[in-house]
């Protein structure tokens, strides 16, 4: 019997109802349908009295989800999608992303189209688009203390966010550099349309094998965004005596002590998006963010009263 998965946002009633109906439909089509909530991929925030709450990357795969699963369907918004990929990426399971939220930048289709879309997926009429993820690790004297898979971005900053900090950053084997800023963003191409875009970074097409570093409100005219190959590793340390806060994809984080180091690298596990038609990134930019829309024509002449 073929296997399929369902991951849903259990705090949204519409997603809960859709998940139950979808499980019945998949069972009627001959699938062993396994269910899990997106909460399993949210690592949570540590507390000052317990700065590290370690969850190994591979332990987030839900029970019954494995490499034999043909596909999984995630019901939620962008946050649920990122959480779901942390759960299924180590098992290599492709995800059909169904929007039940607002923006839905990462989603492929909408809930009202799910019946027709399901027929297409069961018939095998789809493509797989792989997007790079990062693995973010916190190391305490070279010992692994915390790690997480990251689809969008990692943010490192002080508390409160508006406090200036000096970061020592080393990319690959290059000499370390010092950046004075409120914080630092390291993003994947997928994350280039998220926080880093708001912080002044460029939009990067998903197929480009790069990462980007964006200082948040840098205290220097010379501190600008940097795009570099994702084959390079990144090491970040604080030049200040105060603890920092590390946040991954907006819903997981830990405290970084002065002696700690944050290490990033391209993950061996890609995010595998199930696409119903050939991916067209510029179309998504236009529909979701208004990029490249035609300007309203200006009048050729103006008549004064």
C-alpha atoms as a PDB file:
ATOM      1  CA  UNK A   1       0.000   0.000   0.000  1.00  0.00           C
ATOM      2  CA  UNK A   2       1.462   3.431  -0.967  1.00  0.00           C
ATOM      3  CA  UNK A   3       2.065   5.942   1.809  1.00  0.00           C
ATOM      4  CA  UNK A   4       1.243   9.642   1.978  1.00  0.00           C
ATOM      5  CA  UNK A   5       1.554  12.179   4.761  1.00  0.00           C
ATOM      6  CA  UNK A   6      -0.460  15.120   6.052  1.00  0.00           C
ATOM      7  CA  UNK A   7       1.057  17.906   8.156  1.00  0.00           C
ATOM      8  CA  UNK A   8      -1.288  20.634   9.339  1.00  0.00           C
ATOM      9  CA  UNK A   9      -1.474  23.711  11.516  1.00  0.00           C
ATOM     10  CA  UNK A  10      -3.431  22.462  14.522  1.00  0.00           C
ATOM     11  CA  UNK A  11      -4.278  25.947  15.817  1.00  0.00           C
ATOM     12  CA  UNK A  12      -6.309  26.749  12.689  1.00  0.00           C
ATOM     13  CA  UNK A  13      -9.757  25.080  12.643  1.00  0.00           C
ATOM     14  CA  UNK A  14      -9.942  25.189   8.851  1.00  0.00           C
ATOM     15  CA  UNK A  15      -6.637  23.303   8.564  1.00  0.00           C
ATOM     16  CA  UNK A  16      -7.750  20.707  11.142  1.00  0.00           C
ATOM     17  CA  UNK A  17     -11.013  20.043   9.313  1.00  0.00           C
ATOM     18  CA  UNK A  18      -9.262  19.855   5.947  1.00  0.00           C
ATOM     19  CA  UNK A  19      -6.667  17.409   7.324  1.00  0.00           C
ATOM     20  CA  UNK A  20      -9.342  14.999   8.564  1.00  0.00           C
ATOM     21  CA  UNK A  21     -11.218  15.133   5.252  1.00  0.00           C
ATOM     22  CA  UNK A  22      -7.974  14.675   3.333  1.00  0.00           C
ATOM     23  CA  UNK A  23      -7.023  11.595   5.359  1.00  0.00           C
ATOM     24  CA  UNK A  24     -10.387   9.996   4.491  1.00  0.00           C
ATOM     25  CA  UNK A  25      -9.957  10.874   0.822  1.00  0.00           C
ATOM     26  CA  UNK A  26      -6.430   9.457   0.643  1.00  0.00           C
ATOM     27  CA  UNK A  27      -7.562   6.257   2.373  1.00  0.00           C
ATOM     28  CA  UNK A  28     -10.341   5.897  -0.225  1.00  0.00           C
ATOM     29  CA  UNK A  29      -7.683   6.212  -2.938  1.00  0.00           C
ATOM     30  CA  UNK A  30      -5.720   3.337  -1.407  1.00  0.00           C
ATOM     31  CA  UNK A  31      -3.116   5.282   0.559  1.00  0.00           C
ATOM     32  CA  UNK A  32      -1.835   4.645   4.045  1.00  0.00           C
ATOM     33  CA  UNK A  33      -2.265   8.256   5.169  1.00  0.00           C
ATOM     34  CA  UNK A  34      -0.211   9.336   8.196  1.00  0.00           C
ATOM     35  CA  UNK A  35      -0.893  12.598  10.029  1.00  0.00           C
ATOM     36  CA  UNK A  36       1.262  14.955  12.080  1.00  0.00           C
ATOM     37  CA  UNK A  37       0.989  18.538  13.252  1.00  0.00           C
ATOM     38  CA  UNK A  38       3.384  21.255  12.210  1.00  0.00           C
ATOM     39  CA  UNK A  39       4.119  21.901  15.880  1.00  0.00           C
ATOM     40  CA  UNK A  40       6.624  19.038  15.775  1.00  0.00           C
ATOM     41  CA  UNK A  41       8.961  21.157  13.666  1.00  0.00           C
ATOM     42  CA  UNK A  42       8.843  24.215  15.910  1.00  0.00           C
ATOM     43  CA  UNK A  43      11.877  23.935  18.143  1.00  0.00           C
ATOM     44  CA  UNK A  44      10.797  26.629  20.577  1.00  0.00           C
ATOM     45  CA  UNK A  45      12.789  29.315  22.340  1.00  0.00           C
ATOM     46  CA  UNK A  46      15.187  28.736  25.173  1.00  0.00           C
ATOM     47  CA  UNK A  47      15.043  30.724  28.401  1.00  0.00           C
ATOM     48  CA  UNK A  48      17.797  32.771  30.078  1.00  0.00           C
ATOM     49  CA  UNK A  49      18.063  30.167  32.860  1.00  0.00           C
ATOM     50  CA  UNK A  50      18.285  27.410  30.236  1.00  0.00           C
ATOM     51  CA  UNK A  51      19.963  29.036  27.213  1.00  0.00           C
ATOM     52  CA  UNK A  52      20.158  25.878  25.100  1.00  0.00           C
ATOM     53  CA  UNK A  53      17.358  23.427  24.362  1.00  0.00           C
ATOM     54  CA  UNK A  54      18.952  20.914  22.003  1.00  0.00           C
ATOM     55  CA  UNK A  55      16.883  18.900  19.535  1.00  0.00           C
ATOM     56  CA  UNK A  56      18.897  16.885  16.956  1.00  0.00           C
ATOM     57  CA  UNK A  57      17.871  17.543  13.345  1.00  0.00           C
ATOM     58  CA  UNK A  58      17.014  13.922  12.553  1.00  0.00           C
ATOM     59  CA  UNK A  59      14.759  13.462  15.583  1.00  0.00           C
ATOM     60  CA  UNK A  60      12.029  15.754  14.220  1.00  0.00           C
ATOM     61  CA  UNK A  61      10.797  13.276  11.576  1.00  0.00           C
ATOM     62  CA  UNK A  62       7.242  12.261  12.655  1.00  0.00           C
ATOM     63  CA  UNK A  63       6.390   8.638  13.372  1.00  0.00           C
ATOM     64  CA  UNK A  64       5.459   6.793  10.186  1.00  0.00           C
ATOM     65  CA  UNK A  65       7.094   9.376   7.909  1.00  0.00           C
ATOM     66  CA  UNK A  66      10.015   7.791   6.046  1.00  0.00           C
ATOM     67  CA  UNK A  67      11.715   7.539   2.650  1.00  0.00           C
ATOM     68  CA  UNK A  68       8.996   5.153   1.413  1.00  0.00           C
ATOM     69  CA  UNK A  69       6.385   7.919   1.609  1.00  0.00           C
ATOM     70  CA  UNK A  70       5.517   9.134  -1.900  1.00  0.00           C
ATOM     71  CA  UNK A  71       4.577  12.648  -0.835  1.00  0.00           C
ATOM     72  CA  UNK A  72       3.149  14.685   2.029  1.00  0.00           C
ATOM     73  CA  UNK A  73       0.654  17.528   1.972  1.00  0.00           C
ATOM     74  CA  UNK A  74       1.098  20.467   4.331  1.00  0.00           C
ATOM     75  CA  UNK A  75      -1.917  22.597   5.253  1.00  0.00           C
ATOM     76  CA  UNK A  76      -1.067  26.018   6.663  1.00  0.00           C
ATOM     77  CA  UNK A  77       0.803  29.222   5.958  1.00  0.00           C
ATOM     78  CA  UNK A  78       4.488  29.895   5.377  1.00  0.00           C
ATOM     79  CA  UNK A  79       5.371  29.220   9.020  1.00  0.00           C
ATOM     80  CA  UNK A  80       3.812  25.759   8.861  1.00  0.00           C
ATOM     81  CA  UNK A  81       5.607  25.070   5.578  1.00  0.00           C
ATOM     82  CA  UNK A  82       9.010  25.882   7.101  1.00  0.00           C
ATOM     83  CA  UNK A  83       8.201  23.796  10.161  1.00  0.00           C
ATOM     84  CA  UNK A  84       7.090  20.877   7.974  1.00  0.00           C
ATOM     85  CA  UNK A  85      10.314  20.913   5.988  1.00  0.00           C
ATOM     86  CA  UNK A  86      12.324  20.653   9.196  1.00  0.00           C
ATOM     87  CA  UNK A  87      10.272  17.519   9.877  1.00  0.00           C
ATOM     88  CA  UNK A  88      10.438  15.781   6.489  1.00  0.00           C
ATOM     89  CA  UNK A  89      13.637  17.008   4.793  1.00  0.00           C
ATOM     90  CA  UNK A  90      15.849  14.385   6.530  1.00  0.00           C
ATOM     91  CA  UNK A  91      13.558  11.679   5.083  1.00  0.00           C
ATOM     92  CA  UNK A  92      13.606  13.193   1.577  1.00  0.00           C
ATOM     93  CA  UNK A  93       9.805  13.474   1.382  1.00  0.00           C
ATOM     94  CA  UNK A  94       8.431  15.954  -1.192  1.00  0.00           C
ATOM     95  CA  UNK A  95       5.809  18.390   0.101  1.00  0.00           C
ATOM     96  CA  UNK A  96       2.727  19.745  -1.619  1.00  0.00           C
ATOM     97  CA  UNK A  97       2.184  23.084   0.108  1.00  0.00           C
ATOM     98  CA  UNK A  98      -1.463  24.180   0.463  1.00  0.00           C
ATOM     99  CA  UNK A  99      -2.205  27.691   1.703  1.00  0.00           C
ATOM    100  CA  UNK A 100      -4.672  28.161   4.535  1.00  0.00           C
ATOM    101  CA  UNK A 101      -2.958  31.332   5.767  1.00  0.00           C
ATOM    102  CA  UNK A 102      -2.486  34.859   4.398  1.00  0.00           C
ATOM    103  CA  UNK A 103       0.572  35.582   2.233  1.00  0.00           C
ATOM    104  CA  UNK A 104       1.402  31.984   1.371  1.00  0.00           C
ATOM    105  CA  UNK A 105       4.592  32.911  -0.474  1.00  0.00           C
ATOM    106  CA  UNK A 106       5.925  29.360  -0.165  1.00  0.00           C
ATOM    107  CA  UNK A 107       2.657  27.603  -0.969  1.00  0.00           C
ATOM    108  CA  UNK A 108       1.818  25.950  -4.286  1.00  0.00           C
ATOM    109  CA  UNK A 109      -1.974  25.974  -4.246  1.00  0.00           C
ATOM    110  CA  UNK A 110      -5.059  26.928  -2.254  1.00  0.00           C
ATOM    111  CA  UNK A 111      -7.417  24.873  -0.144  1.00  0.00           C
ATOM    112  CA  UNK A 112     -10.394  25.349  -2.484  1.00  0.00           C
ATOM    113  CA  UNK A 113      -8.432  23.690  -5.299  1.00  0.00           C
ATOM    114  CA  UNK A 114      -7.312  20.683  -3.279  1.00  0.00           C
ATOM    115  CA  UNK A 115      -9.798  18.142  -4.754  1.00  0.00           C
ATOM    116  CA  UNK A 116      -8.600  18.746  -8.335  1.00  0.00           C
ATOM    117  CA  UNK A 117      -4.972  19.042  -7.253  1.00  0.00           C
ATOM    118  CA  UNK A 118      -5.123  15.731  -5.385  1.00  0.00           C
ATOM    119  CA  UNK A 119      -6.221  13.934  -8.554  1.00  0.00           C
ATOM    120  CA  UNK A 120      -3.240  15.412 -10.387  1.00  0.00           C
ATOM    121  CA  UNK A 121      -0.811  14.396  -7.644  1.00  0.00           C
ATOM    122  CA  UNK A 122      -2.148  10.822  -7.336  1.00  0.00           C
ATOM    123  CA  UNK A 123      -1.763  10.491 -11.120  1.00  0.00           C
ATOM    124  CA  UNK A 124       1.916  11.430 -10.752  1.00  0.00           C
ATOM    125  CA  UNK A 125       1.490  14.599 -12.820  1.00  0.00           C
ATOM    126  CA  UNK A 126       3.919  16.837 -10.956  1.00  0.00           C
ATOM    127  CA  UNK A 127       7.549  17.915 -10.724  1.00  0.00           C
ATOM    128  CA  UNK A 128       9.972  18.104  -7.799  1.00  0.00           C
ATOM    129  CA  UNK A 129      11.871  21.340  -7.178  1.00  0.00           C
ATOM    130  CA  UNK A 130      14.754  21.095  -4.734  1.00  0.00           C
ATOM    131  CA  UNK A 131      15.764  24.150  -2.734  1.00  0.00           C
ATOM    132  CA  UNK A 132      18.792  24.465  -0.505  1.00  0.00           C
ATOM    133  CA  UNK A 133      18.476  24.508   3.269  1.00  0.00           C
ATOM    134  CA  UNK A 134      21.088  25.497   5.842  1.00  0.00           C
ATOM    135  CA  UNK A 135      22.083  23.684   8.969  1.00  0.00           C
ATOM    136  CA  UNK A 136      22.674  26.139  11.819  1.00  0.00           C
ATOM    137  CA  UNK A 137      24.720  24.964  14.788  1.00  0.00           C
ATOM    138  CA  UNK A 138      25.686  26.505  18.098  1.00  0.00           C
ATOM    139  CA  UNK A 139      29.050  25.292  19.364  1.00  0.00           C
ATOM    140  CA  UNK A 140      30.341  25.690  22.899  1.00  0.00           C
ATOM    141  CA  UNK A 141      34.115  25.148  22.878  1.00  0.00           C
ATOM    142  CA  UNK A 142      33.733  23.078  19.673  1.00  0.00           C
ATOM    143  CA  UNK A 143      31.044  20.878  21.257  1.00  0.00           C
ATOM    144  CA  UNK A 144      27.678  20.797  19.479  1.00  0.00           C
ATOM    145  CA  UNK A 145      25.122  22.434  21.790  1.00  0.00           C
ATOM    146  CA  UNK A 146      22.194  23.183  19.438  1.00  0.00           C
ATOM    147  CA  UNK A 147      21.249  22.730  15.784  1.00  0.00           C
ATOM    148  CA  UNK A 148      18.378  23.348  13.401  1.00  0.00           C
ATOM    149  CA  UNK A 149      17.532  23.072   9.717  1.00  0.00           C
ATOM    150  CA  UNK A 150      16.787  26.426   8.130  1.00  0.00           C
ATOM    151  CA  UNK A 151      14.840  27.124   4.939  1.00  0.00           C
ATOM    152  CA  UNK A 152      14.690  30.927   5.068  1.00  0.00           C
ATOM    153  CA  UNK A 153      17.176  32.635   7.343  1.00  0.00           C
ATOM    154  CA  UNK A 154      19.130  32.737  10.558  1.00  0.00           C
ATOM    155  CA  UNK A 155      19.160  35.965  12.585  1.00  0.00           C
ATOM    156  CA  UNK A 156      21.649  36.800  15.323  1.00  0.00           C
ATOM    157  CA  UNK A 157      21.075  39.888  17.474  1.00  0.00           C
ATOM    158  CA  UNK A 158      21.284  41.351  20.950  1.00  0.00           C
ATOM    159  CA  UNK A 159      18.454  41.950  23.367  1.00  0.00           C
ATOM    160  CA  UNK A 160      16.922  44.420  22.864  1.00  0.00           C
ATOM    161  CA  UNK A 161      17.197  44.355  19.077  1.00  0.00           C
ATOM    162  CA  UNK A 162      18.094  48.047  18.870  1.00  0.00           C
ATOM    163  CA  UNK A 163      21.373  47.568  20.761  1.00  0.00           C
ATOM    164  CA  UNK A 164      24.523  47.842  18.663  1.00  0.00           C
ATOM    165  CA  UNK A 165      26.830  44.831  18.599  1.00  0.00           C
ATOM    166  CA  UNK A 166      30.156  43.942  17.025  1.00  0.00           C
ATOM    167  CA  UNK A 167      30.129  40.632  15.162  1.00  0.00           C
ATOM    168  CA  UNK A 168      33.212  38.769  14.008  1.00  0.00           C
ATOM    169  CA  UNK A 169      32.331  36.886  10.817  1.00  0.00           C
ATOM    170  CA  UNK A 170      34.457  34.409   8.891  1.00  0.00           C
ATOM    171  CA  UNK A 171      33.305  33.086   5.512  1.00  0.00           C
ATOM    172  CA  UNK A 172      35.158  29.958   4.420  1.00  0.00           C
ATOM    173  CA  UNK A 173      38.906  30.328   4.665  1.00  0.00           C
ATOM    174  CA  UNK A 174      38.827  34.094   4.246  1.00  0.00           C
ATOM    175  CA  UNK A 175      40.087  36.451   6.917  1.00  0.00           C
ATOM    176  CA  UNK A 176      37.491  37.329   9.610  1.00  0.00           C
ATOM    177  CA  UNK A 177      35.774  40.690   9.348  1.00  0.00           C
ATOM    178  CA  UNK A 178      34.160  42.871  12.004  1.00  0.00           C
ATOM    179  CA  UNK A 179      30.611  44.152  11.473  1.00  0.00           C
ATOM    180  CA  UNK A 180      28.972  46.688  13.788  1.00  0.00           C
ATOM    181  CA  UNK A 181      25.202  46.383  13.490  1.00  0.00           C
ATOM    182  CA  UNK A 182      21.980  45.668  15.372  1.00  0.00           C
ATOM    183  CA  UNK A 183      22.141  42.128  14.054  1.00  0.00           C
ATOM    184  CA  UNK A 184      23.118  39.833  11.196  1.00  0.00           C
ATOM    185  CA  UNK A 185      20.963  37.854   8.773  1.00  0.00           C
ATOM    186  CA  UNK A 186      22.274  34.849   6.844  1.00  0.00           C
ATOM    187  CA  UNK A 187      19.697  33.714   4.307  1.00  0.00           C
ATOM    188  CA  UNK A 188      19.207  31.145   1.588  1.00  0.00           C
ATOM    189  CA  UNK A 189      17.864  32.166  -1.851  1.00  0.00           C
ATOM    190  CA  UNK A 190      14.410  31.076  -0.630  1.00  0.00           C
ATOM    191  CA  UNK A 191      14.789  33.422   2.344  1.00  0.00           C
ATOM    192  CA  UNK A 192      15.920  36.329   0.156  1.00  0.00           C
ATOM    193  CA  UNK A 193      12.252  37.363  -0.182  1.00  0.00           C
ATOM    194  CA  UNK A 194      11.698  37.330   3.589  1.00  0.00           C
ATOM    195  CA  UNK A 195      13.494  39.216   6.395  1.00  0.00           C
ATOM    196  CA  UNK A 196      16.620  39.941   4.348  1.00  0.00           C
ATOM    197  CA  UNK A 197      14.497  41.658   1.675  1.00  0.00           C
ATOM    198  CA  UNK A 198      13.014  43.959   4.336  1.00  0.00           C
ATOM    199  CA  UNK A 199      16.552  44.669   5.570  1.00  0.00           C
ATOM    200  CA  UNK A 200      17.677  45.820   2.102  1.00  0.00           C
ATOM    201  CA  UNK A 201      19.017  42.571   0.647  1.00  0.00           C
ATOM    202  CA  UNK A 202      18.595  41.504  -2.991  1.00  0.00           C
ATOM    203  CA  UNK A 203      16.113  38.969  -4.316  1.00  0.00           C
ATOM    204  CA  UNK A 204      17.949  35.790  -5.365  1.00  0.00           C
ATOM    205  CA  UNK A 205      16.433  33.192  -7.681  1.00  0.00           C
ATOM    206  CA  UNK A 206      16.056  29.809  -5.923  1.00  0.00           C
ATOM    207  CA  UNK A 207      18.342  27.913  -8.285  1.00  0.00           C
ATOM    208  CA  UNK A 208      21.432  30.015  -7.534  1.00  0.00           C
ATOM    209  CA  UNK A 209      23.846  28.182  -5.203  1.00  0.00           C
ATOM    210  CA  UNK A 210      24.630  31.045  -2.853  1.00  0.00           C
ATOM    211  CA  UNK A 211      23.980  32.367   0.628  1.00  0.00           C
ATOM    212  CA  UNK A 212      23.790  36.012   1.586  1.00  0.00           C
ATOM    213  CA  UNK A 213      24.847  37.994   4.647  1.00  0.00           C
ATOM    214  CA  UNK A 214      22.833  41.119   5.463  1.00  0.00           C
ATOM    215  CA  UNK A 215      23.762  43.415   8.393  1.00  0.00           C
ATOM    216  CA  UNK A 216      20.714  44.842  10.198  1.00  0.00           C
ATOM    217  CA  UNK A 217      21.041  48.637  10.495  1.00  0.00           C
ATOM    218  CA  UNK A 218      24.857  48.634  10.201  1.00  0.00           C
ATOM    219  CA  UNK A 219      26.788  51.460  11.839  1.00  0.00           C
ATOM    220  CA  UNK A 220      28.966  52.000   8.775  1.00  0.00           C
ATOM    221  CA  UNK A 221      28.488  53.169   5.208  1.00  0.00           C
ATOM    222  CA  UNK A 222      30.869  50.400   4.151  1.00  0.00           C
ATOM    223  CA  UNK A 223      28.865  47.517   5.642  1.00  0.00           C
ATOM    224  CA  UNK A 224      26.739  46.177   2.814  1.00  0.00           C
ATOM    225  CA  UNK A 225      25.172  42.846   1.967  1.00  0.00           C
ATOM    226  CA  UNK A 226      27.443  40.046   0.800  1.00  0.00           C
ATOM    227  CA  UNK A 227      26.526  37.181  -1.534  1.00  0.00           C
ATOM    228  CA  UNK A 228      28.870  34.173  -1.520  1.00  0.00           C
ATOM    229  CA  UNK A 229      28.889  30.517  -2.656  1.00  0.00           C
ATOM    230  CA  UNK A 230      26.909  28.165  -0.428  1.00  0.00           C
ATOM    231  CA  UNK A 231      29.871  25.781  -0.504  1.00  0.00           C
ATOM    232  CA  UNK A 232      31.502  28.138   2.007  1.00  0.00           C
ATOM    233  CA  UNK A 233      30.886  27.678   5.715  1.00  0.00           C
ATOM    234  CA  UNK A 234      30.232  30.630   8.011  1.00  0.00           C
ATOM    235  CA  UNK A 235      31.397  31.176  11.589  1.00  0.00           C
ATOM    236  CA  UNK A 236      30.081  34.043  13.706  1.00  0.00           C
ATOM    237  CA  UNK A 237      31.193  35.207  17.133  1.00  0.00           C
ATOM    238  CA  UNK A 238      30.320  38.226  19.242  1.00  0.00           C
ATOM    239  CA  UNK A 239      32.943  40.766  20.181  1.00  0.00           C
ATOM    240  CA  UNK A 240      30.723  41.949  23.050  1.00  0.00           C
ATOM    241  CA  UNK A 241      30.455  40.464  26.557  1.00  0.00           C
ATOM    242  CA  UNK A 242      26.651  40.222  26.475  1.00  0.00           C
ATOM    243  CA  UNK A 243      24.623  37.181  25.340  1.00  0.00           C
ATOM    244  CA  UNK A 244      23.092  37.165  21.856  1.00  0.00           C
ATOM    245  CA  UNK A 245      19.840  35.657  20.614  1.00  0.00           C
ATOM    246  CA  UNK A 246      19.836  33.224  17.690  1.00  0.00           C
ATOM    247  CA  UNK A 247      16.566  32.804  15.751  1.00  0.00           C
ATOM    248  CA  UNK A 248      15.995  30.351  12.876  1.00  0.00           C
ATOM    249  CA  UNK A 249      13.103  30.863  10.447  1.00  0.00           C
ATOM    250  CA  UNK A 250      11.352  33.049  12.988  1.00  0.00           C
ATOM    251  CA  UNK A 251      10.196  30.191  15.261  1.00  0.00           C
ATOM    252  CA  UNK A 252      13.198  28.564  16.869  1.00  0.00           C
ATOM    253  CA  UNK A 253      16.020  30.010  18.842  1.00  0.00           C
ATOM    254  CA  UNK A 254      18.546  29.895  21.655  1.00  0.00           C
ATOM    255  CA  UNK A 255      20.867  32.163  23.589  1.00  0.00           C
ATOM    256  CA  UNK A 256      24.466  32.541  22.410  1.00  0.00           C
ATOM    257  CA  UNK A 257      27.007  33.183  25.148  1.00  0.00           C
ATOM    258  CA  UNK A 258      30.209  35.186  24.530  1.00  0.00           C
ATOM    259  CA  UNK A 259      32.346  32.040  24.334  1.00  0.00           C
ATOM    260  CA  UNK A 260      29.970  30.329  21.861  1.00  0.00           C
ATOM    261  CA  UNK A 261      30.260  30.199  18.084  1.00  0.00           C
ATOM    262  CA  UNK A 262      27.470  30.031  15.507  1.00  0.00           C
ATOM    263  CA  UNK A 263      28.355  27.840  12.528  1.00  0.00           C
ATOM    264  CA  UNK A 264      26.395  27.590   9.277  1.00  0.00           C
ATOM    265  CA  UNK A 265      26.676  25.415   6.188  1.00  0.00           C
ATOM    266  CA  UNK A 266      24.521  24.193   3.353  1.00  0.00           C
ATOM    267  CA  UNK A 267      22.552  21.202   4.583  1.00  0.00           C
ATOM    268  CA  UNK A 268      22.793  17.778   3.006  1.00  0.00           C
ATOM    269  CA  UNK A 269      18.980  17.714   3.143  1.00  0.00           C
ATOM    270  CA  UNK A 270      17.234  19.868   0.508  1.00  0.00           C
ATOM    271  CA  UNK A 271      13.648  21.061   0.747  1.00  0.00           C
ATOM    272  CA  UNK A 272      11.748  19.132  -1.943  1.00  0.00           C
ATOM    273  CA  UNK A 273       8.740  21.116  -3.191  1.00  0.00           C
ATOM    274  CA  UNK A 274       6.076  19.252  -5.159  1.00  0.00           C
ATOM    275  CA  UNK A 275       5.173  21.504  -8.103  1.00  0.00           C
ATOM    276  CA  UNK A 276       1.973  21.190 -10.137  1.00  0.00           C
ATOM    277  CA  UNK A 277       3.534  23.074 -13.055  1.00  0.00           C
ATOM    278  CA  UNK A 278       7.062  24.134 -13.972  1.00  0.00           C
ATOM    279  CA  UNK A 279       8.354  26.572 -11.315  1.00  0.00           C
ATOM    280  CA  UNK A 280       8.126  30.211 -12.421  1.00  0.00           C
ATOM    281  CA  UNK A 281       9.769  32.364  -9.781  1.00  0.00           C
ATOM    282  CA  UNK A 282       9.087  35.733 -11.422  1.00  0.00           C
ATOM    283  CA  UNK A 283       5.362  34.941 -11.574  1.00  0.00           C
ATOM    284  CA  UNK A 284       5.349  34.331  -7.807  1.00  0.00           C
ATOM    285  CA  UNK A 285       7.252  37.589  -7.225  1.00  0.00           C
ATOM    286  CA  UNK A 286       4.699  39.456  -9.306  1.00  0.00           C
ATOM    287  CA  UNK A 287       1.630  37.864  -7.709  1.00  0.00           C
ATOM    288  CA  UNK A 288       2.800  37.932  -4.081  1.00  0.00           C
ATOM    289  CA  UNK A 289       5.059  40.997  -3.890  1.00  0.00           C
ATOM    290  CA  UNK A 290       3.998  43.058  -6.916  1.00  0.00           C
ATOM    291  CA  UNK A 291       7.479  42.880  -8.509  1.00  0.00           C
ATOM    292  CA  UNK A 292       7.626  43.911 -12.171  1.00  0.00           C
ATOM    293  CA  UNK A 293       4.025  45.076 -12.496  1.00  0.00           C
ATOM    294  CA  UNK A 294       3.537  47.509 -15.397  1.00  0.00           C
ATOM    295  CA  UNK A 295       3.459  51.179 -14.477  1.00  0.00           C
ATOM    296  CA  UNK A 296       0.384  53.286 -15.134  1.00  0.00           C
ATOM    297  CA  UNK A 297       0.995  55.315 -18.287  1.00  0.00           C
ATOM    298  CA  UNK A 298       1.536  59.018 -17.735  1.00  0.00           C
ATOM    299  CA  UNK A 299      -0.541  61.469 -19.777  1.00  0.00           C
ATOM    300  CA  UNK A 300       1.208  62.841 -22.850  1.00  0.00           C
ATOM    301  CA  UNK A 301      -0.028  66.337 -22.177  1.00  0.00           C
ATOM    302  CA  UNK A 302      -1.505  68.286 -19.341  1.00  0.00           C
ATOM    303  CA  UNK A 303      -4.199  70.888 -19.863  1.00  0.00           C
ATOM    304  CA  UNK A 304      -4.116  73.677 -17.338  1.00  0.00           C
ATOM    305  CA  UNK A 305      -7.407  75.294 -16.341  1.00  0.00           C
END
